[in-house]
N, C-alpha and C. Protein backbone atom coordinates (compact mmCIF):
# COMPACT_ATOMS: atom_id res chain seq x y z
N MET A 1 -23.18 -9.20 -11.42
CA MET A 1 -22.65 -9.71 -13.05
C MET A 1 -20.98 -9.73 -12.97
N LEU A 2 -20.55 -8.88 -12.41
CA LEU A 2 -19.22 -8.69 -12.58
C LEU A 2 -18.70 -8.92 -11.00
N LYS A 3 -19.63 -8.61 -10.09
CA LYS A 3 -18.93 -8.81 -8.73
C LYS A 3 -18.91 -10.83 -8.53
N SER A 4 -20.12 -10.64 -9.03
CA SER A 4 -20.23 -12.40 -8.44
C SER A 4 -18.81 -13.70 -9.71
N LEU A 5 -18.45 -12.44 -11.26
CA LEU A 5 -17.45 -13.43 -11.47
C LEU A 5 -15.96 -13.41 -10.86
N MET A 6 -16.02 -11.81 -9.83
CA MET A 6 -14.85 -11.46 -8.99
C MET A 6 -14.59 -12.49 -7.77
N VAL A 7 -16.08 -13.23 -7.76
CA VAL A 7 -15.83 -14.18 -6.37
C VAL A 7 -15.79 -15.52 -6.86
N ALA A 8 -16.15 -15.88 -8.14
CA ALA A 8 -16.06 -17.33 -8.28
C ALA A 8 -14.32 -17.41 -8.78
N LYS A 9 -13.49 -16.31 -9.07
CA LYS A 9 -12.35 -16.32 -9.59
C LYS A 9 -11.75 -16.37 -8.32
N ALA A 10 -12.08 -15.59 -7.19
CA ALA A 10 -11.19 -15.50 -6.14
C ALA A 10 -11.41 -17.37 -5.20
N LYS A 11 -12.78 -17.54 -5.43
CA LYS A 11 -12.74 -19.15 -4.98
C LYS A 11 -11.66 -19.74 -5.47
N ASP A 12 -11.88 -19.99 -6.62
CA ASP A 12 -11.11 -20.75 -7.97
C ASP A 12 -9.74 -20.44 -7.38
N GLU A 13 -9.09 -19.66 -7.41
CA GLU A 13 -7.68 -19.11 -6.73
C GLU A 13 -7.23 -19.48 -5.20
N LEU A 14 -8.15 -19.38 -4.63
CA LEU A 14 -8.32 -20.07 -3.28
C LEU A 14 -8.53 -21.36 -3.23
N GLU A 15 -9.02 -22.02 -3.75
CA GLU A 15 -8.86 -23.50 -3.45
C GLU A 15 -7.36 -23.94 -4.39
N GLN A 16 -7.18 -23.27 -5.60
CA GLN A 16 -5.51 -23.70 -6.04
C GLN A 16 -4.49 -23.70 -5.47
N GLU A 17 -4.72 -22.26 -4.13
CA GLU A 17 -3.79 -22.44 -3.20
C GLU A 17 -3.33 -23.51 -2.11
N LEU A 18 -4.81 -23.78 -2.06
CA LEU A 18 -4.92 -24.78 -1.07
C LEU A 18 -4.13 -26.68 -1.68
N VAL A 19 -4.67 -26.44 -2.94
CA VAL A 19 -4.43 -27.47 -3.79
C VAL A 19 -2.60 -27.60 -3.78
N ASP A 20 -1.73 -26.48 -3.64
CA ASP A 20 -0.61 -25.89 -4.12
C ASP A 20 0.57 -26.25 -2.62
N LYS A 21 -0.31 -25.71 -1.68
CA LYS A 21 -0.17 -26.29 -0.44
C LYS A 21 0.17 -27.08 0.50
N GLU A 22 -0.66 -28.44 -0.05
CA GLU A 22 -0.62 -29.48 0.34
C GLU A 22 0.20 -30.34 -0.50
N ALA A 23 0.48 -29.65 -1.88
CA ALA A 23 0.92 -29.98 -2.71
C ALA A 23 3.03 -30.30 -2.64
N GLU A 24 3.24 -28.68 -1.72
CA GLU A 24 4.14 -28.25 -1.09
C GLU A 24 4.61 -28.64 -0.09
N LYS A 25 3.90 -29.82 0.93
CA LYS A 25 3.30 -30.21 2.15
C LYS A 25 3.88 -31.89 1.93
N GLU A 26 3.14 -32.32 0.98
CA GLU A 26 3.51 -33.86 0.42
C GLU A 26 5.07 -33.71 0.00
N ARG A 27 5.34 -32.78 -0.24
CA ARG A 27 6.98 -32.87 -1.14
C ARG A 27 8.02 -33.01 0.21
N TYR A 28 7.62 -31.73 0.68
CA TYR A 28 8.55 -31.49 1.27
C TYR A 28 8.86 -32.74 3.11
N LEU A 29 7.75 -33.77 3.52
CA LEU A 29 7.71 -34.69 3.62
C LEU A 29 8.28 -35.63 2.95
N ALA A 30 8.15 -35.83 2.20
CA ALA A 30 8.36 -36.99 0.87
C ALA A 30 10.55 -36.74 1.11
N GLU A 31 10.62 -35.40 0.85
CA GLU A 31 12.03 -35.29 0.88
C GLU A 31 12.68 -35.35 2.35
N ASN A 32 12.05 -34.75 3.36
CA ASN A 32 13.35 -34.46 4.69
C ASN A 32 12.49 -35.57 5.78
N ALA A 33 11.41 -36.36 5.17
CA ALA A 33 10.99 -37.84 6.03
C ALA A 33 10.50 -38.81 5.25
N PRO A 34 11.37 -39.79 5.05
CA PRO A 34 11.20 -40.66 4.26
C PRO A 34 10.57 -41.76 4.81
N LEU A 35 9.56 -42.43 4.37
CA LEU A 35 9.06 -43.66 5.33
C LEU A 35 10.02 -44.54 5.80
N LEU A 36 9.66 -45.17 6.57
CA LEU A 36 10.91 -45.69 7.62
C LEU A 36 10.27 -47.50 7.30
N GLN A 37 11.35 -48.17 7.10
CA GLN A 37 11.16 -49.80 6.43
C GLN A 37 11.48 -50.27 7.90
N THR A 38 10.82 -50.59 8.49
CA THR A 38 11.15 -51.40 10.00
C THR A 38 11.25 -53.32 9.88
N SER A 39 10.30 -53.36 9.05
CA SER A 39 10.45 -54.52 8.86
C SER A 39 11.82 -55.54 8.55
N GLY A 40 11.63 -57.05 9.19
CA GLY A 40 12.92 -56.90 8.92
C GLY A 40 14.35 -56.42 9.43
N MET A 41 14.44 -55.34 10.94
CA MET A 41 15.00 -54.90 11.08
C MET A 41 15.64 -55.66 12.75
N SER A 42 17.00 -56.07 13.29
CA SER A 42 17.21 -56.34 14.40
C SER A 42 16.40 -55.16 15.51
N LEU A 43 16.57 -55.96 16.74
CA LEU A 43 16.36 -54.99 17.97
C LEU A 43 17.41 -53.64 18.36
N ALA A 44 18.55 -54.08 17.40
CA ALA A 44 19.38 -53.48 18.29
C ALA A 44 19.64 -52.08 17.02
N GLU A 45 19.51 -52.69 15.27
CA GLU A 45 18.86 -51.52 14.61
C GLU A 45 18.06 -50.49 14.38
N LEU A 46 16.90 -51.26 15.58
CA LEU A 46 15.37 -50.21 15.81
C LEU A 46 16.17 -49.08 17.02
N GLN A 47 16.75 -50.23 17.24
CA GLN A 47 17.33 -49.20 18.92
C GLN A 47 17.73 -47.86 18.46
N GLU A 48 18.70 -48.06 17.27
CA GLU A 48 19.90 -47.19 16.33
C GLU A 48 18.89 -45.88 15.97
N LEU A 49 17.91 -46.86 15.27
CA LEU A 49 16.87 -46.14 14.21
C LEU A 49 16.03 -44.63 15.33
N CYS A 50 15.89 -45.47 16.56
CA CYS A 50 15.27 -44.49 17.68
C CYS A 50 16.04 -43.11 17.86
N ARG A 51 17.25 -43.36 18.09
CA ARG A 51 18.53 -42.82 18.55
C ARG A 51 18.78 -41.67 17.70
N GLU A 52 18.58 -41.85 16.88
CA GLU A 52 18.51 -40.67 15.32
C GLU A 52 17.66 -40.05 15.26
N LEU A 53 16.88 -40.67 15.26
CA LEU A 53 15.28 -40.15 15.42
C LEU A 53 15.09 -39.15 16.78
N HIS A 54 15.54 -39.47 17.50
CA HIS A 54 15.73 -38.45 19.03
C HIS A 54 16.33 -37.12 18.79
N VAL A 55 17.40 -37.79 18.38
CA VAL A 55 17.96 -36.44 17.83
C VAL A 55 17.94 -35.43 16.93
N LYS A 56 17.25 -36.13 15.73
CA LYS A 56 16.59 -35.23 15.03
C LYS A 56 15.74 -34.46 15.60
N ILE A 57 14.86 -35.02 16.39
CA ILE A 57 14.08 -34.45 16.96
C ILE A 57 14.37 -33.47 18.02
N ASP A 58 15.01 -33.66 18.53
CA ASP A 58 15.51 -32.56 19.57
C ASP A 58 15.90 -31.25 18.96
N VAL A 59 16.85 -31.41 17.70
CA VAL A 59 17.44 -30.52 16.78
C VAL A 59 16.44 -29.69 16.27
N VAL A 60 15.17 -29.89 15.86
CA VAL A 60 13.94 -29.78 15.61
C VAL A 60 13.40 -28.92 16.86
N ASP A 61 13.43 -29.48 17.84
CA ASP A 61 12.48 -28.84 19.17
C ASP A 61 13.15 -27.27 19.71
N GLU A 62 15.23 -27.20 19.14
CA GLU A 62 16.10 -26.03 19.69
C GLU A 62 15.34 -25.08 18.88
N GLU A 63 15.07 -25.43 17.19
CA GLU A 63 15.23 -24.58 16.36
C GLU A 63 13.58 -24.16 16.73
N ARG A 64 12.84 -24.63 16.99
CA ARG A 64 11.26 -24.37 17.05
C ARG A 64 11.35 -23.05 18.68
N TYR A 65 12.34 -23.70 19.31
CA TYR A 65 12.11 -22.65 20.65
C TYR A 65 12.81 -21.16 20.48
N ASP A 66 14.08 -21.17 19.91
CA ASP A 66 14.48 -20.40 19.33
C ASP A 66 13.63 -19.52 18.58
N ILE A 67 13.13 -19.75 17.45
CA ILE A 67 12.20 -18.62 16.80
C ILE A 67 10.93 -18.93 17.52
N GLU A 68 10.37 -19.47 18.23
CA GLU A 68 9.41 -18.89 19.55
C GLU A 68 9.85 -17.96 20.05
N ALA A 69 11.56 -17.61 20.50
CA ALA A 69 12.16 -16.70 21.71
C ALA A 69 12.07 -15.06 20.56
N LYS A 70 12.35 -15.47 19.25
CA LYS A 70 12.73 -14.38 18.53
C LYS A 70 11.30 -14.05 18.37
N VAL A 71 10.38 -14.71 18.13
CA VAL A 71 8.87 -13.88 17.84
C VAL A 71 8.28 -13.07 19.21
N LEU A 72 8.61 -13.45 20.40
CA LEU A 72 8.16 -13.20 21.70
C LEU A 72 8.87 -11.95 21.73
N HIS A 73 10.14 -12.01 21.50
CA HIS A 73 10.88 -10.68 21.88
C HIS A 73 10.90 -9.96 20.68
N ASN A 74 9.79 -9.97 19.36
CA ASN A 74 9.82 -8.91 18.74
C ASN A 74 8.58 -8.40 18.65
N THR A 75 7.42 -9.09 19.33
CA THR A 75 5.70 -9.17 19.53
C THR A 75 6.13 -7.55 20.68
N ARG A 76 7.25 -8.23 22.34
CA ARG A 76 6.94 -7.23 22.70
C ARG A 76 7.81 -6.08 23.12
N GLU A 77 8.98 -5.98 21.46
CA GLU A 77 9.60 -4.88 21.18
C GLU A 77 8.40 -3.97 20.06
N ILE A 78 7.49 -4.47 19.54
CA ILE A 78 6.59 -3.71 18.69
C ILE A 78 5.30 -3.09 19.47
N LYS A 79 5.45 -4.31 20.89
CA LYS A 79 4.35 -3.46 21.95
C LYS A 79 5.06 -2.04 22.65
N ASP A 80 6.22 -2.75 22.85
CA ASP A 80 6.76 -1.32 23.61
C ASP A 80 6.75 0.09 22.51
N LEU A 81 7.02 -0.30 21.48
CA LEU A 81 7.26 1.04 20.10
C LEU A 81 5.65 1.29 20.16
N ASN A 82 4.94 0.74 20.39
CA ASN A 82 3.18 1.47 20.01
C ASN A 82 3.07 2.14 20.96
N ILE A 83 3.30 1.49 22.42
CA ILE A 83 2.95 2.57 23.67
C ILE A 83 3.97 3.64 23.95
N LYS A 84 5.36 3.55 23.24
CA LYS A 84 5.90 5.03 23.02
C LYS A 84 5.33 5.99 22.15
N VAL A 85 5.12 5.41 20.76
CA VAL A 85 4.04 6.02 19.99
C VAL A 85 3.05 6.90 20.41
N LEU A 86 2.31 6.24 21.47
CA LEU A 86 1.21 6.68 22.12
C LEU A 86 1.08 7.80 23.22
N ASP A 87 2.28 7.48 23.77
CA ASP A 87 2.75 8.32 24.75
C ASP A 87 3.27 9.32 24.16
N LEU A 88 3.54 9.40 23.07
CA LEU A 88 4.09 10.88 22.49
C LEU A 88 3.08 11.96 22.35
N ARG A 89 1.79 10.64 20.98
CA ARG A 89 0.80 11.44 20.98
C ARG A 89 0.45 12.38 21.93
N GLY A 90 0.34 11.37 23.42
CA GLY A 90 -0.37 12.37 24.03
C GLY A 90 0.34 13.17 25.16
N LYS A 91 1.67 13.49 24.92
CA LYS A 91 2.14 14.30 25.54
C LYS A 91 1.97 15.74 24.90
N PHE A 92 2.15 16.00 23.19
CA PHE A 92 2.37 16.81 22.27
C PHE A 92 1.00 17.28 21.97
N LYS A 93 -0.01 17.39 23.22
CA LYS A 93 -1.57 17.97 22.62
C LYS A 93 -1.68 19.33 21.71
N ARG A 94 -2.65 18.88 20.71
CA ARG A 94 -2.42 20.12 19.86
C ARG A 94 -3.24 21.41 20.18
N PRO A 95 -2.64 22.95 20.31
CA PRO A 95 -3.66 23.58 21.23
C PRO A 95 -4.79 24.33 19.88
N THR A 96 -5.50 24.23 20.62
CA THR A 96 -6.91 25.02 19.51
C THR A 96 -6.57 26.10 19.05
N LEU A 97 -7.09 26.00 17.82
CA LEU A 97 -6.68 27.62 17.03
C LEU A 97 -7.63 28.42 17.26
N ARG A 98 -7.07 29.42 17.72
CA ARG A 98 -7.44 30.70 17.73
C ARG A 98 -7.71 31.94 16.76
N ARG A 99 -8.89 32.22 16.02
CA ARG A 99 -8.63 33.53 14.75
C ARG A 99 -7.71 34.97 15.17
N VAL A 100 -6.90 35.10 14.61
CA VAL A 100 -6.37 36.36 14.42
C VAL A 100 -6.26 37.43 14.08
N ARG A 101 -6.59 38.84 14.00
CA ARG A 101 -7.18 39.75 13.33
C ARG A 101 -5.38 39.87 13.19
N VAL A 102 -5.08 39.88 11.53
CA VAL A 102 -3.68 40.75 11.14
C VAL A 102 -4.22 41.91 9.92
N SER A 103 -3.49 42.50 9.81
CA SER A 103 -3.86 43.93 9.25
C SER A 103 -3.49 43.75 7.93
N ALA A 104 -3.71 44.23 6.59
CA ALA A 104 -3.26 43.64 5.18
C ALA A 104 -1.92 44.20 4.99
N ASP A 105 -1.43 45.27 5.96
CA ASP A 105 0.70 45.50 5.77
C ASP A 105 1.27 44.04 6.43
N ALA A 106 0.98 43.50 7.79
CA ALA A 106 1.32 42.98 8.26
C ALA A 106 1.16 41.06 7.20
N ILE A 107 0.32 41.41 6.74
CA ILE A 107 0.00 40.21 5.82
C ILE A 107 1.20 40.15 4.37
N LEU A 108 1.22 41.18 4.07
CA LEU A 108 2.27 41.74 2.75
C LEU A 108 3.87 41.23 3.45
N ARG A 109 4.32 41.81 4.68
CA ARG A 109 5.24 41.96 5.23
C ARG A 109 5.68 40.52 5.62
N SER A 110 4.69 39.56 5.80
CA SER A 110 5.00 38.02 5.95
C SER A 110 5.12 37.65 5.18
N LEU A 111 4.57 38.06 4.28
CA LEU A 111 4.91 37.07 2.35
C LEU A 111 5.81 37.53 1.78
N LEU A 112 6.19 38.85 1.88
CA LEU A 112 6.90 39.46 0.82
C LEU A 112 8.71 39.59 1.72
N GLY A 113 8.60 39.39 2.82
CA GLY A 113 9.66 39.86 3.61
C GLY A 113 9.82 41.09 4.69
N SER A 114 10.85 41.28 4.85
CA SER A 114 10.70 42.91 5.57
C SER A 114 11.83 43.92 4.66
N LYS A 115 12.56 43.56 3.90
CA LYS A 115 12.64 44.48 2.81
C LYS A 115 12.20 44.98 2.08
N HIS A 116 10.85 44.52 1.75
CA HIS A 116 9.81 45.23 0.91
C HIS A 116 8.94 46.22 1.45
N LYS A 117 9.20 47.11 1.14
CA LYS A 117 8.21 48.46 1.98
C LYS A 117 6.85 48.85 1.53
N VAL A 118 6.05 47.61 1.62
CA VAL A 118 4.81 47.78 1.01
C VAL A 118 3.85 48.54 1.79
N SER A 119 3.14 49.68 1.45
CA SER A 119 2.04 50.09 2.48
C SER A 119 0.71 50.14 1.57
N MET A 120 -0.38 49.31 2.14
CA MET A 120 -1.50 49.20 1.12
C MET A 120 -2.93 49.53 2.81
N ASP A 121 -2.59 50.35 1.73
CA ASP A 121 -3.60 51.88 3.11
C ASP A 121 -5.25 51.54 1.93
N LEU A 122 -5.79 51.03 2.22
CA LEU A 122 -7.00 50.41 1.75
C LEU A 122 -7.79 51.77 1.71
N ARG A 123 -7.61 52.51 2.75
CA ARG A 123 -8.91 53.46 2.84
C ARG A 123 -8.04 54.84 1.92
N ALA A 124 -7.21 55.06 1.29
CA ALA A 124 -6.59 55.98 0.49
C ALA A 124 -7.33 56.12 -0.56
N ASN A 125 -7.71 54.84 -1.38
CA ASN A 125 -8.17 54.38 -2.69
C ASN A 125 -9.96 54.78 -2.44
N LEU A 126 -10.66 54.69 -1.49
CA LEU A 126 -11.98 55.12 -1.15
C LEU A 126 -12.36 56.82 -1.38
N LYS A 127 -13.47 56.61 -2.22
CA LYS A 127 -14.11 57.76 -2.45
C LYS A 127 -14.18 58.64 -0.93
N SER A 128 -14.28 59.96 -0.86
CA SER A 128 -14.64 60.66 -0.14
C SER A 128 -15.86 61.03 0.09
N VAL A 129 -17.06 61.11 0.88
CA VAL A 129 -18.15 61.59 0.88
C VAL A 129 -18.81 62.44 1.80
N LYS A 130 -18.81 63.66 1.63
CA LYS A 130 -19.58 64.63 2.04
C LYS A 130 -20.84 64.33 2.84
N LYS A 131 -21.20 64.57 4.48
CA LYS A 131 -22.14 64.07 4.95
C LYS A 131 -23.28 65.86 4.51
N GLU A 132 -22.63 66.98 3.90
CA GLU A 132 -23.65 67.92 3.59
C GLU A 132 -24.44 67.68 2.44
N ASP A 133 -23.95 66.63 1.27
CA ASP A 133 -23.88 66.76 0.48
C ASP A 133 -25.62 65.37 0.29
N THR A 134 -24.89 64.77 1.52
CA THR A 134 -26.22 63.29 1.43
C THR A 134 -27.42 64.02 2.12
N GLU A 135 -26.92 65.15 3.41
CA GLU A 135 -28.51 65.97 3.88
C GLU A 135 -29.34 66.75 2.30
N LYS A 136 -28.64 67.43 2.11
CA LYS A 136 -28.99 67.90 1.35
C LYS A 136 -30.13 67.44 -0.50
N GLU A 137 -29.70 66.22 -0.94
CA GLU A 137 -30.05 65.19 -1.54
C GLU A 137 -31.39 65.07 -0.84
N LYS A 138 -31.55 64.69 0.15
CA LYS A 138 -32.61 63.81 1.44
C LYS A 138 -33.83 65.03 1.25
N THR A 139 -33.60 66.80 1.13
CA THR A 139 -34.40 67.27 1.57
C THR A 139 -34.85 68.37 0.43
N VAL A 140 -34.54 67.54 -0.78
CA VAL A 140 -34.97 68.24 -1.92
C VAL A 140 -36.43 68.55 -1.73
N GLU A 141 -37.50 67.56 -2.51
CA GLU A 141 -38.19 67.70 -2.14
C GLU A 141 -39.22 66.88 -1.82
N VAL A 142 -40.08 67.41 -0.65
CA VAL A 142 -40.90 66.41 -0.08
C VAL A 142 -42.27 66.97 -0.45
N SER A 143 -43.16 66.65 -2.08
CA SER A 143 -44.73 67.11 -1.64
C SER A 143 -45.56 65.74 -1.91
N ASP A 144 -45.89 66.42 -2.51
CA ASP A 144 -47.70 65.06 -2.89
C ASP A 144 -46.99 64.36 -4.18
N TRP A 145 -46.93 63.22 -3.52
CA TRP A 145 -46.46 62.73 -5.06
C TRP A 145 -47.41 62.55 -7.01
N ARG A 146 -48.55 62.51 -6.04
CA ARG A 146 -49.58 62.24 -7.09
C ARG A 146 -50.04 63.55 -8.04
N LYS A 147 -48.75 65.06 -7.42
CA LYS A 147 -49.16 66.16 -8.11
C LYS A 147 -47.82 65.31 -9.13
N ASN A 148 -46.67 65.25 -8.56
CA ASN A 148 -45.52 64.82 -10.10
C ASN A 148 -45.82 63.96 -11.03
N VAL A 149 -46.87 62.82 -10.06
CA VAL A 149 -47.46 61.84 -11.62
C VAL A 149 -48.00 62.37 -12.89
N GLU A 150 -49.27 63.20 -11.85
CA GLU A 150 -49.87 64.33 -13.19
C GLU A 150 -48.92 64.97 -14.12
N ALA A 151 -48.12 65.83 -13.47
CA ALA A 151 -47.50 66.85 -14.04
C ALA A 151 -46.66 66.09 -15.16
N MET A 152 -46.57 64.96 -15.06
CA MET A 152 -45.19 63.72 -15.90
C MET A 152 -45.71 63.16 -16.66
N SER A 153 -47.17 62.84 -16.50
CA SER A 153 -47.54 62.04 -17.66
C SER A 153 -48.09 62.54 -18.50
N GLY A 154 -47.93 61.95 -19.68
CA GLY A 154 -48.37 62.34 -21.72
C GLY A 154 -46.95 62.70 -22.03
N MET A 155 -47.46 63.28 -22.83
CA MET A 155 -46.29 64.31 -24.15
C MET A 155 -45.63 64.95 -23.30
N GLU A 156 -46.22 65.99 -21.94
CA GLU A 156 -45.49 66.51 -21.87
C GLU A 156 -45.15 65.99 -20.44
N GLY A 157 -44.79 65.43 -19.83
CA GLY A 157 -43.88 65.12 -19.16
C GLY A 157 -42.62 64.51 -19.76
N ARG A 158 -43.01 63.88 -20.63
CA ARG A 158 -41.67 63.13 -21.37
C ARG A 158 -40.59 64.27 -21.68
N LYS A 159 -41.32 65.41 -22.07
CA LYS A 159 -40.44 66.26 -22.67
C LYS A 159 -40.01 66.87 -21.52
N LYS A 160 -40.10 66.98 -20.40
CA LYS A 160 -39.77 68.15 -19.73
C LYS A 160 -38.63 67.36 -18.80
N MET A 161 -38.70 65.65 -19.11
CA MET A 161 -38.11 64.54 -18.59
C MET A 161 -36.47 64.81 -19.28
N PHE A 162 -37.20 64.73 -20.86
CA PHE A 162 -35.95 64.78 -22.00
C PHE A 162 -34.92 66.23 -21.84
N ASP A 163 -36.09 67.16 -21.66
CA ASP A 163 -34.95 68.46 -21.24
C ASP A 163 -34.30 68.91 -20.11
N ALA A 164 -34.87 68.49 -18.63
CA ALA A 164 -34.05 68.03 -17.92
C ALA A 164 -32.98 66.93 -17.90
N ALA A 165 -32.87 66.50 -19.17
CA ALA A 165 -31.39 65.36 -18.84
C ALA A 165 -30.46 66.10 -19.38
N GLN A 166 -30.92 67.31 -20.45
CA GLN A 166 -29.84 67.56 -21.45
C GLN A 166 -29.23 69.11 -20.28
């Protein structure tokens, strides 16, 4: 519904604009080209009137020619500038970006500048794990799991787990 209202409003405005243009044209013609009253004029007066009209036509033609020349000059200039812009775009092709590996220290140096001595050794903050400890945990007890389940079942098994935790 809103769309149809907008279309109707635009149609009304377009019609009003055409009417305004026509009225402006009529006003301009009435002002600059009054109606000719040729009845009752002698041959000499008609010839003089034709000479005046020819002079006015020549002036208007000169103005039209000058305006056309300016328009042609401007369109050529616009085309030349567009060609220059396209040439400049073509000369400077953007390189394909490559993935670069940068260390944390290099990133901090680039962000903070070379004055700051910030070292970010991420590996120093990690826990050290001994290989021997992991091997001992693996070989703790590999026995029959059914015996372990039977031993831990019932109240005795819970008591064992409670005692082991303390």
